[in-house]
Amino acid sequence: MVRIRLRRIGLKGQPTYRVVAADKESPRDGRFLEILGVYNPRTNPATIKLHEDRIYHWMKNGAQPSDSVEKIFKSAGLLERFERFKKGESVEALLAEAAEAEVKRGAPVKTRKD
């Protein structure tokens, strides 16, 4: 069974997490199938970057999110959009809505200064 869960990365005392699709039996920081996003709880507000089209793919094929990932998905609004995806709404429209929601949420925007 495939689970969508967090994989810890970062230095000691400075955790950052990857959202990954992994086999249920594999260890927390062990083997995984695909990276689906990044979660950084240390920023204010927490940085959440998700590849929603891939998450829809995995969930459509039976992957179950862990409890902590489910909370992250709810805060990002992904679970509502996934329900609409199951009812037949187009992926492109949902991804555009997700991009707008990310901007509203106040996610830090990377800018390059020369």
PDB file of N, CA and C in Angstrom:
ATOM      1  N   MET A   1       0.842  -1.184   0.000  1.00  0.00           N
ATOM      2  CA  MET A   1       0.000   0.000   0.000  1.00  0.00           C
ATOM      3  C   MET A   1       0.886   1.247   0.000  1.00  0.00           C
ATOM      4  N   VAL A   2       0.511   2.220  -0.776  1.00  0.00           N
ATOM      5  CA  VAL A   2       1.283   3.461  -0.878  1.00  0.00           C
ATOM      6  C   VAL A   2       0.697   4.500   0.082  1.00  0.00           C
ATOM      7  N   ARG A   3       1.590   5.174   0.804  1.00  0.00           N
ATOM      8  CA  ARG A   3       1.196   6.248   1.716  1.00  0.00           C
ATOM      9  C   ARG A   3       1.846   7.542   1.244  1.00  0.00           C
ATOM     10  N   ILE A   4       1.144   8.640   1.409  1.00  0.00           N
ATOM     11  CA  ILE A   4       1.729   9.960   1.186  1.00  0.00           C
ATOM     12  C   ILE A   4       2.090  10.471   2.563  1.00  0.00           C
ATOM     13  N   ARG A   5       3.380  10.673   2.801  1.00  0.00           N
ATOM     14  CA  ARG A   5       3.830  11.028   4.144  1.00  0.00           C
ATOM     15  C   ARG A   5       5.020  11.971   4.098  1.00  0.00           C
ATOM     16  N   LEU A   6       5.481  12.380   5.289  1.00  0.00           N
ATOM     17  CA  LEU A   6       6.596  13.313   5.393  1.00  0.00           C
ATOM     18  C   LEU A   6       7.907  12.559   5.521  1.00  0.00           C
ATOM     19  N   ARG A   7       8.948  13.108   4.887  1.00  0.00           N
ATOM     20  CA  ARG A   7      10.311  12.595   4.990  1.00  0.00           C
ATOM     21  C   ARG A   7      11.154  13.743   5.507  1.00  0.00           C
ATOM     22  N   ARG A   8      11.809  13.560   6.643  1.00  0.00           N
ATOM     23  CA  ARG A   8      12.552  14.640   7.287  1.00  0.00           C
ATOM     24  C   ARG A   8      13.880  14.877   6.589  1.00  0.00           C
ATOM     25  N   ILE A   9      14.168  16.163   6.338  1.00  0.00           N
ATOM     26  CA  ILE A   9      15.473  16.580   5.837  1.00  0.00           C
ATOM     27  C   ILE A   9      15.892  17.800   6.652  1.00  0.00           C
ATOM     28  N   GLY A  10      17.107  18.222   6.517  1.00  0.00           N
ATOM     29  CA  GLY A  10      17.553  19.406   7.243  1.00  0.00           C
ATOM     30  C   GLY A  10      18.508  19.062   8.373  1.00  0.00           C
ATOM     31  N   LEU A  11      19.061  20.087   8.975  1.00  0.00           N
ATOM     32  CA  LEU A  11      20.028  19.915  10.051  1.00  0.00           C
ATOM     33  C   LEU A  11      19.349  19.557  11.366  1.00  0.00           C
ATOM     34  N   LYS A  12      20.163  19.181  12.333  1.00  0.00           N
ATOM     35  CA  LYS A  12      19.645  18.872  13.653  1.00  0.00           C
ATOM     36  C   LYS A  12      19.001  20.112  14.252  1.00  0.00           C
ATOM     37  N   GLY A  13      17.768  19.995  14.695  1.00  0.00           N
ATOM     38  CA  GLY A  13      17.053  21.124  15.275  1.00  0.00           C
ATOM     39  C   GLY A  13      16.467  22.086  14.257  1.00  0.00           C
ATOM     40  N   GLN A  14      16.652  21.809  12.970  1.00  0.00           N
ATOM     41  CA  GLN A  14      16.121  22.671  11.914  1.00  0.00           C
ATOM     42  C   GLN A  14      15.401  21.812  10.863  1.00  0.00           C
ATOM     43  N   PRO A  15      14.287  21.204  11.252  1.00  0.00           N
ATOM     44  CA  PRO A  15      13.642  20.271  10.328  1.00  0.00           C
ATOM     45  C   PRO A  15      12.937  20.950   9.166  1.00  0.00           C
ATOM     46  N   THR A  16      13.031  20.324   8.041  1.00  0.00           N
ATOM     47  CA  THR A  16      12.253  20.628   6.850  1.00  0.00           C
ATOM     48  C   THR A  16      11.793  19.264   6.352  1.00  0.00           C
ATOM     49  N   TYR A  17      10.660  19.222   5.709  1.00  0.00           N
ATOM     50  CA  TYR A  17      10.108  17.931   5.312  1.00  0.00           C
ATOM     51  C   TYR A  17       9.790  17.910   3.830  1.00  0.00           C
ATOM     52  N   ARG A  18       9.975  16.745   3.225  1.00  0.00           N
ATOM     53  CA  ARG A  18       9.502  16.498   1.876  1.00  0.00           C
ATOM     54  C   ARG A  18       8.229  15.684   1.985  1.00  0.00           C
ATOM     55  N   VAL A  19       7.259  16.004   1.162  1.00  0.00           N
ATOM     56  CA  VAL A  19       6.048  15.197   1.067  1.00  0.00           C
ATOM     57  C   VAL A  19       6.335  14.173  -0.021  1.00  0.00           C
ATOM     58  N   VAL A  20       6.302  12.894   0.338  1.00  0.00           N
ATOM     59  CA  VAL A  20       6.672  11.840  -0.606  1.00  0.00           C
ATOM     60  C   VAL A  20       5.599  10.762  -0.667  1.00  0.00           C
ATOM     61  N   ALA A  21       5.578  10.059  -1.790  1.00  0.00           N
ATOM     62  CA  ALA A  21       4.788   8.837  -1.921  1.00  0.00           C
ATOM     63  C   ALA A  21       5.749   7.698  -1.636  1.00  0.00           C
ATOM     64  N   ALA A  22       5.428   6.877  -0.635  1.00  0.00           N
ATOM     65  CA  ALA A  22       6.317   5.789  -0.234  1.00  0.00           C
ATOM     66  C   ALA A  22       5.498   4.559   0.105  1.00  0.00           C
ATOM     67  N   ASP A  23       6.133   3.407   0.011  1.00  0.00           N
ATOM     68  CA  ASP A  23       5.495   2.178   0.436  1.00  0.00           C
ATOM     69  C   ASP A  23       5.278   2.225   1.939  1.00  0.00           C
ATOM     70  N   LYS A  24       4.179   1.687   2.397  1.00  0.00           N
ATOM     71  CA  LYS A  24       3.821   1.744   3.806  1.00  0.00           C
ATOM     72  C   LYS A  24       4.891   1.095   4.691  1.00  0.00           C
ATOM     73  N   GLU A  25       5.566   0.089   4.194  1.00  0.00           N
ATOM     74  CA  GLU A  25       6.540  -0.669   4.980  1.00  0.00           C
ATOM     75  C   GLU A  25       7.916  -0.013   5.045  1.00  0.00           C
ATOM     76  N   SER A  26       8.224   0.932   4.179  1.00  0.00           N
ATOM     77  CA  SER A  26       9.564   1.527   4.161  1.00  0.00           C
ATOM     78  C   SER A  26       9.746   2.499   5.332  1.00  0.00           C
ATOM     79  N   PRO A  27      10.991   2.654   5.834  1.00  0.00           N
ATOM     80  CA  PRO A  27      11.227   3.555   6.976  1.00  0.00           C
ATOM     81  C   PRO A  27      10.991   5.020   6.626  1.00  0.00           C
ATOM     82  N   ARG A  28      10.866   5.864   7.665  1.00  0.00           N
ATOM     83  CA  ARG A  28      10.530   7.277   7.483  1.00  0.00           C
ATOM     84  C   ARG A  28      11.456   7.977   6.501  1.00  0.00           C
ATOM     85  N   ASP A  29      12.753   7.816   6.673  1.00  0.00           N
ATOM     86  CA  ASP A  29      13.713   8.490   5.795  1.00  0.00           C
ATOM     87  C   ASP A  29      14.317   7.528   4.777  1.00  0.00           C
ATOM     88  N   GLY A  30      13.639   6.433   4.533  1.00  0.00           N
ATOM     89  CA  GLY A  30      14.148   5.430   3.612  1.00  0.00           C
ATOM     90  C   GLY A  30      13.646   5.626   2.192  1.00  0.00           C
ATOM     91  N   ARG A  31      13.484   4.515   1.536  1.00  0.00           N
ATOM     92  CA  ARG A  31      13.114   4.492   0.132  1.00  0.00           C
ATOM     93  C   ARG A  31      11.730   5.109  -0.107  1.00  0.00           C
ATOM     94  N   PHE A  32      11.604   5.857  -1.197  1.00  0.00           N
ATOM     95  CA  PHE A  32      10.323   6.457  -1.563  1.00  0.00           C
ATOM     96  C   PHE A  32      10.132   6.362  -3.061  1.00  0.00           C
ATOM     97  N   LEU A  33       8.923   6.581  -3.520  1.00  0.00           N
ATOM     98  CA  LEU A  33       8.593   6.447  -4.936  1.00  0.00           C
ATOM     99  C   LEU A  33       8.718   7.768  -5.692  1.00  0.00           C
ATOM    100  N   GLU A  34       8.255   8.866  -5.074  1.00  0.00           N
ATOM    101  CA  GLU A  34       8.269  10.159  -5.758  1.00  0.00           C
ATOM    102  C   GLU A  34       8.153  11.294  -4.741  1.00  0.00           C
ATOM    103  N   ILE A  35       8.849  12.391  -5.009  1.00  0.00           N
ATOM    104  CA  ILE A  35       8.730  13.596  -4.189  1.00  0.00           C
ATOM    105  C   ILE A  35       7.529  14.387  -4.695  1.00  0.00           C
ATOM    106  N   LEU A  36       6.603  14.714  -3.777  1.00  0.00           N
ATOM    107  CA  LEU A  36       5.367  15.390  -4.155  1.00  0.00           C
ATOM    108  C   LEU A  36       5.295  16.826  -3.660  1.00  0.00           C
ATOM    109  N   GLY A  37       6.250  17.257  -2.858  1.00  0.00           N
ATOM    110  CA  GLY A  37       6.221  18.624  -2.361  1.00  0.00           C
ATOM    111  C   GLY A  37       7.191  18.831  -1.220  1.00  0.00           C
ATOM    112  N   VAL A  38       7.144  20.041  -0.660  1.00  0.00           N
ATOM    113  CA  VAL A  38       8.019  20.430   0.441  1.00  0.00           C
ATOM    114  C   VAL A  38       7.190  21.152   1.490  1.00  0.00           C
ATOM    115  N   TYR A  39       7.509  20.908   2.764  1.00  0.00           N
ATOM    116  CA  TYR A  39       6.832  21.571   3.880  1.00  0.00           C
ATOM    117  C   TYR A  39       7.902  22.069   4.843  1.00  0.00           C
ATOM    118  N   ASN A  40       7.894  23.369   5.119  1.00  0.00           N
ATOM    119  CA  ASN A  40       8.842  23.966   6.060  1.00  0.00           C
ATOM    120  C   ASN A  40       8.050  24.648   7.171  1.00  0.00           C
ATOM    121  N   PRO A  41       7.970  24.024   8.351  1.00  0.00           N
ATOM    122  CA  PRO A  41       7.188  24.607   9.444  1.00  0.00           C
ATOM    123  C   PRO A  41       7.898  25.748  10.162  1.00  0.00           C
ATOM    124  N   ARG A  42       9.183  26.003   9.855  1.00  0.00           N
ATOM    125  CA  ARG A  42       9.954  27.007  10.582  1.00  0.00           C
ATOM    126  C   ARG A  42       9.732  28.429  10.084  1.00  0.00           C
ATOM    127  N   THR A  43       9.131  28.593   8.914  1.00  0.00           N
ATOM    128  CA  THR A  43       8.855  29.942   8.420  1.00  0.00           C
ATOM    129  C   THR A  43       7.504  30.400   8.954  1.00  0.00           C
ATOM    130  N   ASN A  44       7.266  31.702   8.889  1.00  0.00           N
ATOM    131  CA  ASN A  44       5.999  32.228   9.359  1.00  0.00           C
ATOM    132  C   ASN A  44       5.338  33.014   8.235  1.00  0.00           C
ATOM    133  N   PRO A  45       4.283  32.568   7.603  1.00  0.00           N
ATOM    134  CA  PRO A  45       3.580  31.299   7.788  1.00  0.00           C
ATOM    135  C   PRO A  45       4.376  30.132   7.218  1.00  0.00           C
ATOM    136  N   ALA A  46       4.012  28.915   7.576  1.00  0.00           N
ATOM    137  CA  ALA A  46       4.722  27.721   7.112  1.00  0.00           C
ATOM    138  C   ALA A  46       4.708  27.662   5.582  1.00  0.00           C
ATOM    139  N   THR A  47       5.840  27.286   5.010  1.00  0.00           N
ATOM    140  CA  THR A  47       5.959  27.170   3.562  1.00  0.00           C
ATOM    141  C   THR A  47       5.437  25.810   3.128  1.00  0.00           C
ATOM    142  N   ILE A  48       4.475  25.820   2.231  1.00  0.00           N
ATOM    143  CA  ILE A  48       3.909  24.584   1.696  1.00  0.00           C
ATOM    144  C   ILE A  48       3.943  24.683   0.180  1.00  0.00           C
ATOM    145  N   LYS A  49       4.720  23.820  -0.469  1.00  0.00           N
ATOM    146  CA  LYS A  49       4.768  23.763  -1.930  1.00  0.00           C
ATOM    147  C   LYS A  49       4.455  22.341  -2.344  1.00  0.00           C
ATOM    148  N   LEU A  50       3.370  22.172  -3.083  1.00  0.00           N
ATOM    149  CA  LEU A  50       2.901  20.843  -3.457  1.00  0.00           C
ATOM    150  C   LEU A  50       2.750  20.728  -4.964  1.00  0.00           C
ATOM    151  N   HIS A  51       3.050  19.551  -5.492  1.00  0.00           N
ATOM    152  CA  HIS A  51       2.805  19.233  -6.903  1.00  0.00           C
ATOM    153  C   HIS A  51       1.432  18.557  -6.957  1.00  0.00           C
ATOM    154  N   GLU A  52       0.398  19.382  -7.047  1.00  0.00           N
ATOM    155  CA  GLU A  52      -0.966  18.878  -6.886  1.00  0.00           C
ATOM    156  C   GLU A  52      -1.372  17.885  -7.967  1.00  0.00           C
ATOM    157  N   ASP A  53      -0.915  18.056  -9.196  1.00  0.00           N
ATOM    158  CA  ASP A  53      -1.300  17.113 -10.235  1.00  0.00           C
ATOM    159  C   ASP A  53      -0.797  15.709  -9.919  1.00  0.00           C
ATOM    160  N   ARG A  54       0.420  15.598  -9.383  1.00  0.00           N
ATOM    161  CA  ARG A  54       0.968  14.291  -9.010  1.00  0.00           C
ATOM    162  C   ARG A  54       0.270  13.735  -7.766  1.00  0.00           C
ATOM    163  N   ILE A  55      -0.089  14.612  -6.843  1.00  0.00           N
ATOM    164  CA  ILE A  55      -0.802  14.153  -5.646  1.00  0.00           C
ATOM    165  C   ILE A  55      -2.169  13.610  -6.048  1.00  0.00           C
ATOM    166  N   TYR A  56      -2.867  14.295  -6.969  1.00  0.00           N
ATOM    167  CA  TYR A  56      -4.149  13.800  -7.466  1.00  0.00           C
ATOM    168  C   TYR A  56      -3.972  12.412  -8.091  1.00  0.00           C
ATOM    169  N   HIS A  57      -2.897  12.255  -8.869  1.00  0.00           N
ATOM    170  CA  HIS A  57      -2.619  10.970  -9.519  1.00  0.00           C
ATOM    171  C   HIS A  57      -2.480   9.853  -8.482  1.00  0.00           C
ATOM    172  N   TRP A  58      -1.654  10.090  -7.462  1.00  0.00           N
ATOM    173  CA  TRP A  58      -1.423   9.058  -6.455  1.00  0.00           C
ATOM    174  C   TRP A  58      -2.680   8.769  -5.646  1.00  0.00           C
ATOM    175  N   MET A  59      -3.412   9.805  -5.253  1.00  0.00           N
ATOM    176  CA  MET A  59      -4.620   9.592  -4.452  1.00  0.00           C
ATOM    177  C   MET A  59      -5.714   8.911  -5.279  1.00  0.00           C
ATOM    178  N   LYS A  60      -5.783   9.244  -6.560  1.00  0.00           N
ATOM    179  CA  LYS A  60      -6.756   8.593  -7.444  1.00  0.00           C
ATOM    180  C   LYS A  60      -6.469   7.092  -7.542  1.00  0.00           C
ATOM    181  N   ASN A  61      -5.192   6.732  -7.465  1.00  0.00           N
ATOM    182  CA  ASN A  61      -4.798   5.328  -7.570  1.00  0.00           C
ATOM    183  C   ASN A  61      -4.708   4.627  -6.219  1.00  0.00           C
ATOM    184  N   GLY A  62      -5.217   5.242  -5.163  1.00  0.00           N
ATOM    185  CA  GLY A  62      -5.344   4.535  -3.893  1.00  0.00           C
ATOM    186  C   GLY A  62      -4.362   4.898  -2.802  1.00  0.00           C
ATOM    187  N   ALA A  63      -3.475   5.865  -3.006  1.00  0.00           N
ATOM    188  CA  ALA A  63      -2.536   6.256  -1.957  1.00  0.00           C
ATOM    189  C   ALA A  63      -3.284   6.982  -0.842  1.00  0.00           C
ATOM    190  N   GLN A  64      -2.923   6.685   0.397  1.00  0.00           N
ATOM    191  CA  GLN A  64      -3.563   7.292   1.556  1.00  0.00           C
ATOM    192  C   GLN A  64      -2.616   8.276   2.218  1.00  0.00           C
ATOM    193  N   PRO A  65      -3.041   9.509   2.489  1.00  0.00           N
ATOM    194  CA  PRO A  65      -2.169  10.449   3.202  1.00  0.00           C
ATOM    195  C   PRO A  65      -2.102  10.095   4.686  1.00  0.00           C
ATOM    196  N   SER A  66      -0.927  10.332   5.295  1.00  0.00           N
ATOM    197  CA  SER A  66      -0.793  10.142   6.737  1.00  0.00           C
ATOM    198  C   SER A  66      -1.564  11.253   7.440  1.00  0.00           C
ATOM    199  N   ASP A  67      -1.719  11.139   8.754  1.00  0.00           N
ATOM    200  CA  ASP A  67      -2.480  12.142   9.506  1.00  0.00           C
ATOM    201  C   ASP A  67      -1.857  13.527   9.398  1.00  0.00           C
ATOM    202  N   SER A  68      -0.520  13.602   9.520  1.00  0.00           N
ATOM    203  CA  SER A  68       0.140  14.902   9.456  1.00  0.00           C
ATOM    204  C   SER A  68       0.046  15.503   8.053  1.00  0.00           C
ATOM    205  N   VAL A  69       0.168  14.685   7.036  1.00  0.00           N
ATOM    206  CA  VAL A  69       0.056  15.177   5.654  1.00  0.00           C
ATOM    207  C   VAL A  69      -1.380  15.608   5.374  1.00  0.00           C
ATOM    208  N   GLU A  70      -2.340  14.905   5.936  1.00  0.00           N
ATOM    209  CA  GLU A  70      -3.739  15.281   5.744  1.00  0.00           C
ATOM    210  C   GLU A  70      -4.006  16.677   6.313  1.00  0.00           C
ATOM    211  N   LYS A  71      -3.406  17.004   7.452  1.00  0.00           N
ATOM    212  CA  LYS A  71      -3.550  18.343   8.038  1.00  0.00           C
ATOM    213  C   LYS A  71      -2.931  19.399   7.124  1.00  0.00           C
ATOM    214  N   ILE A  72      -1.783  19.091   6.549  1.00  0.00           N
ATOM    215  CA  ILE A  72      -1.122  20.016   5.618  1.00  0.00           C
ATOM    216  C   ILE A  72      -2.001  20.226   4.388  1.00  0.00           C
ATOM    217  N   PHE A  73      -2.561  19.137   3.859  1.00  0.00           N
ATOM    218  CA  PHE A  73      -3.432  19.230   2.689  1.00  0.00           C
ATOM    219  C   PHE A  73      -4.665  20.076   2.995  1.00  0.00           C
ATOM    220  N   LYS A  74      -5.238  19.924   4.188  1.00  0.00           N
ATOM    221  CA  LYS A  74      -6.408  20.716   4.560  1.00  0.00           C
ATOM    222  C   LYS A  74      -6.057  22.195   4.647  1.00  0.00           C
ATOM    223  N   SER A  75      -4.902  22.512   5.237  1.00  0.00           N
ATOM    224  CA  SER A  75      -4.519  23.920   5.357  1.00  0.00           C
ATOM    225  C   SER A  75      -4.239  24.539   3.991  1.00  0.00           C
ATOM    226  N   ALA A  76      -3.782  23.739   3.039  1.00  0.00           N
ATOM    227  CA  ALA A  76      -3.529  24.235   1.685  1.00  0.00           C
ATOM    228  C   ALA A  76      -4.787  24.202   0.816  1.00  0.00           C
ATOM    229  N   GLY A  77      -5.861  23.572   1.297  1.00  0.00           N
ATOM    230  CA  GLY A  77      -7.098  23.483   0.533  1.00  0.00           C
ATOM    231  C   GLY A  77      -7.106  22.381  -0.505  1.00  0.00           C
ATOM    232  N   LEU A  78      -6.127  21.504  -0.463  1.00  0.00           N
ATOM    233  CA  LEU A  78      -5.987  20.467  -1.477  1.00  0.00           C
ATOM    234  C   LEU A  78      -7.096  19.425  -1.394  1.00  0.00           C
ATOM    235  N   LEU A  79      -7.522  19.058  -0.212  1.00  0.00           N
ATOM    236  CA  LEU A  79      -8.551  18.017  -0.084  1.00  0.00           C
ATOM    237  C   LEU A  79      -9.876  18.447  -0.708  1.00  0.00           C
ATOM    238  N   GLU A  80     -10.239  19.727  -0.548  1.00  0.00           N
ATOM    239  CA  GLU A  80     -11.463  20.225  -1.199  1.00  0.00           C
ATOM    240  C   GLU A  80     -11.340  20.130  -2.715  1.00  0.00           C
ATOM    241  N   ARG A  81     -10.180  20.547  -3.230  1.00  0.00           N
ATOM    242  CA  ARG A  81      -9.973  20.499  -4.677  1.00  0.00           C
ATOM    243  C   ARG A  81      -9.943  19.056  -5.183  1.00  0.00           C
ATOM    244  N   PHE A  82      -9.412  18.130  -4.383  1.00  0.00           N
ATOM    245  CA  PHE A  82      -9.386  16.725  -4.802  1.00  0.00           C
ATOM    246  C   PHE A  82     -10.800  16.158  -4.910  1.00  0.00           C
ATOM    247  N   GLU A  83     -11.675  16.533  -3.979  1.00  0.00           N
ATOM    248  CA  GLU A  83     -13.070  16.091  -4.062  1.00  0.00           C
ATOM    249  C   GLU A  83     -13.717  16.599  -5.352  1.00  0.00           C
ATOM    250  N   ARG A  84     -13.439  17.849  -5.711  1.00  0.00           N
ATOM    251  CA  ARG A  84     -13.973  18.401  -6.963  1.00  0.00           C
ATOM    252  C   ARG A  84     -13.354  17.706  -8.169  1.00  0.00           C
ATOM    253  N   PHE A  85     -12.081  17.309  -8.078  1.00  0.00           N
ATOM    254  CA  PHE A  85     -11.407  16.576  -9.146  1.00  0.00           C
ATOM    255  C   PHE A  85     -12.093  15.223  -9.367  1.00  0.00           C
ATOM    256  N   LYS A  86     -12.460  14.547  -8.268  1.00  0.00           N
ATOM    257  CA  LYS A  86     -13.134  13.255  -8.382  1.00  0.00           C
ATOM    258  C   LYS A  86     -14.503  13.396  -9.036  1.00  0.00           C
ATOM    259  N   LYS A  87     -15.138  14.556  -8.863  1.00  0.00           N
ATOM    260  CA  LYS A  87     -16.459  14.777  -9.461  1.00  0.00           C
ATOM    261  C   LYS A  87     -16.376  15.172 -10.931  1.00  0.00           C
ATOM    262  N   GLY A  88     -15.139  15.393 -11.439  1.00  0.00           N
ATOM    263  CA  GLY A  88     -14.997  15.635 -12.863  1.00  0.00           C
ATOM    264  C   GLY A  88     -14.486  17.009 -13.257  1.00  0.00           C
ATOM    265  N   GLU A  89     -14.143  17.856 -12.316  1.00  0.00           N
ATOM    266  CA  GLU A  89     -13.627  19.181 -12.666  1.00  0.00           C
ATOM    267  C   GLU A  89     -12.226  19.037 -13.275  1.00  0.00           C
ATOM    268  N   SER A  90     -11.866  19.932 -14.182  1.00  0.00           N
ATOM    269  CA  SER A  90     -10.598  19.803 -14.899  1.00  0.00           C
ATOM    270  C   SER A  90      -9.401  20.113 -13.992  1.00  0.00           C
ATOM    271  N   VAL A  91      -8.320  19.410 -14.244  1.00  0.00           N
ATOM    272  CA  VAL A  91      -7.100  19.574 -13.452  1.00  0.00           C
ATOM    273  C   VAL A  91      -6.515  20.965 -13.643  1.00  0.00           C
ATOM    274  N   GLU A  92      -6.580  21.492 -14.865  1.00  0.00           N
ATOM    275  CA  GLU A  92      -5.997  22.803 -15.150  1.00  0.00           C
ATOM    276  C   GLU A  92      -6.663  23.894 -14.322  1.00  0.00           C
ATOM    277  N   ALA A  93      -7.979  23.851 -14.231  1.00  0.00           N
ATOM    278  CA  ALA A  93      -8.702  24.851 -13.444  1.00  0.00           C
ATOM    279  C   ALA A  93      -8.356  24.744 -11.970  1.00  0.00           C
ATOM    280  N   LEU A  94      -8.229  23.522 -11.472  1.00  0.00           N
ATOM    281  CA  LEU A  94      -7.888  23.314 -10.070  1.00  0.00           C
ATOM    282  C   LEU A  94      -6.463  23.777  -9.765  1.00  0.00           C
ATOM    283  N   LEU A  95      -5.531  23.537 -10.689  1.00  0.00           N
ATOM    284  CA  LEU A  95      -4.143  23.970 -10.482  1.00  0.00           C
ATOM    285  C   LEU A  95      -4.031  25.490 -10.503  1.00  0.00           C
ATOM    286  N   ALA A  96      -4.814  26.145 -11.364  1.00  0.00           N
ATOM    287  CA  ALA A  96      -4.820  27.612 -11.392  1.00  0.00           C
ATOM    288  C   ALA A  96      -5.358  28.164 -10.078  1.00  0.00           C
ATOM    289  N   GLU A  97      -6.403  27.540  -9.564  1.00  0.00           N
ATOM    290  CA  GLU A  97      -6.969  27.951  -8.276  1.00  0.00           C
ATOM    291  C   GLU A  97      -5.960  27.727  -7.143  1.00  0.00           C
ATOM    292  N   ALA A  98      -5.212  26.644  -7.214  1.00  0.00           N
ATOM    293  CA  ALA A  98      -4.197  26.355  -6.197  1.00  0.00           C
ATOM    294  C   ALA A  98      -3.087  27.401  -6.208  1.00  0.00           C
ATOM    295  N   ALA A  99      -2.691  27.855  -7.400  1.00  0.00           N
ATOM    296  CA  ALA A  99      -1.660  28.886  -7.501  1.00  0.00           C
ATOM    297  C   ALA A  99      -2.142  30.199  -6.884  1.00  0.00           C
ATOM    298  N   GLU A 100      -3.402  30.547  -7.134  1.00  0.00           N
ATOM    299  CA  GLU A 100      -3.962  31.764  -6.535  1.00  0.00           C
ATOM    300  C   GLU A 100      -4.023  31.648  -5.012  1.00  0.00           C
ATOM    301  N   ALA A 101      -4.402  30.472  -4.519  1.00  0.00           N
ATOM    302  CA  ALA A 101      -4.497  30.257  -3.072  1.00  0.00           C
ATOM    303  C   ALA A 101      -3.126  30.350  -2.414  1.00  0.00           C
ATOM    304  N   GLU A 102      -2.094  29.892  -3.097  1.00  0.00           N
ATOM    305  CA  GLU A 102      -0.739  29.961  -2.552  1.00  0.00           C
ATOM    306  C   GLU A 102      -0.277  31.407  -2.411  1.00  0.00           C
ATOM    307  N   VAL A 103      -0.620  32.233  -3.386  1.00  0.00           N
ATOM    308  CA  VAL A 103      -0.261  33.649  -3.313  1.00  0.00           C
ATOM    309  C   VAL A 103      -1.004  34.327  -2.161  1.00  0.00           C
ATOM    310  N   LYS A 104      -2.302  34.013  -2.006  1.00  0.00           N
ATOM    311  CA  LYS A 104      -3.093  34.596  -0.922  1.00  0.00           C
ATOM    312  C   LYS A 104      -2.590  34.176   0.445  1.00  0.00           C
ATOM    313  N   ARG A 105      -2.137  32.923   0.550  1.00  0.00           N
ATOM    314  CA  ARG A 105      -1.673  32.380   1.821  1.00  0.00           C
ATOM    315  C   ARG A 105      -0.422  33.100   2.308  1.00  0.00           C
ATOM    316  N   GLY A 106       0.228  33.817   1.421  1.00  0.00           N
ATOM    317  CA  GLY A 106       1.401  34.580   1.819  1.00  0.00           C
ATOM    318  C   GLY A 106       2.676  33.779   1.763  1.00  0.00           C
ATOM    319  N   ALA A 107       2.727  32.818   0.868  1.00  0.00           N
ATOM    320  CA  ALA A 107       3.939  32.017   0.728  1.00  0.00           C
ATOM    321  C   ALA A 107       5.074  32.920   0.262  1.00  0.00           C
ATOM    322  N   PRO A 108       6.254  32.729   0.819  1.00  0.00           N
ATOM    323  CA  PRO A 108       7.379  33.573   0.410  1.00  0.00           C
ATOM    324  C   PRO A 108       7.691  33.385  -1.073  1.00  0.00           C
ATOM    325  N   VAL A 109       7.890  34.497  -1.754  1.00  0.00           N
ATOM    326  CA  VAL A 109       8.186  34.461  -3.177  1.00  0.00           C
ATOM    327  C   VAL A 109       9.681  34.685  -3.344  1.00  0.00           C
ATOM    328  N   LYS A 110      10.319  33.780  -4.101  1.00  0.00           N
ATOM    329  CA  LYS A 110      11.758  33.890  -4.320  1.00  0.00           C
ATOM    330  C   LYS A 110      12.036  34.969  -5.343  1.00  0.00           C
ATOM    331  N   THR A 111      12.912  35.891  -4.993  1.00  0.00           N
ATOM    332  CA  THR A 111      13.341  36.913  -5.948  1.00  0.00           C
ATOM    333  C   THR A 111      14.851  36.877  -6.019  1.00  0.00           C
ATOM    334  N   ARG A 112      15.352  37.180  -7.179  1.00  0.00           N
ATOM    335  CA  ARG A 112      16.809  37.161  -7.380  1.00  0.00           C
ATOM    336  C   ARG A 112      17.317  38.570  -7.444  1.00  0.00           C
ATOM    337  N   LYS A 113      18.312  38.869  -6.618  1.00  0.00           N
ATOM    338  CA  LYS A 113      18.915  40.195  -6.635  1.00  0.00           C
ATOM    339  C   LYS A 113      20.328  40.089  -7.188  1.00  0.00           C
ATOM    340  N   ASP A 114      20.618  40.870  -8.197  1.00  0.00           N
ATOM    341  CA  ASP A 114      21.965  40.855  -8.801  1.00  0.00           C
ATOM    342  C   ASP A 114      22.864  41.880  -8.188  1.00  0.00           C
TER     343      ASP A 114
END
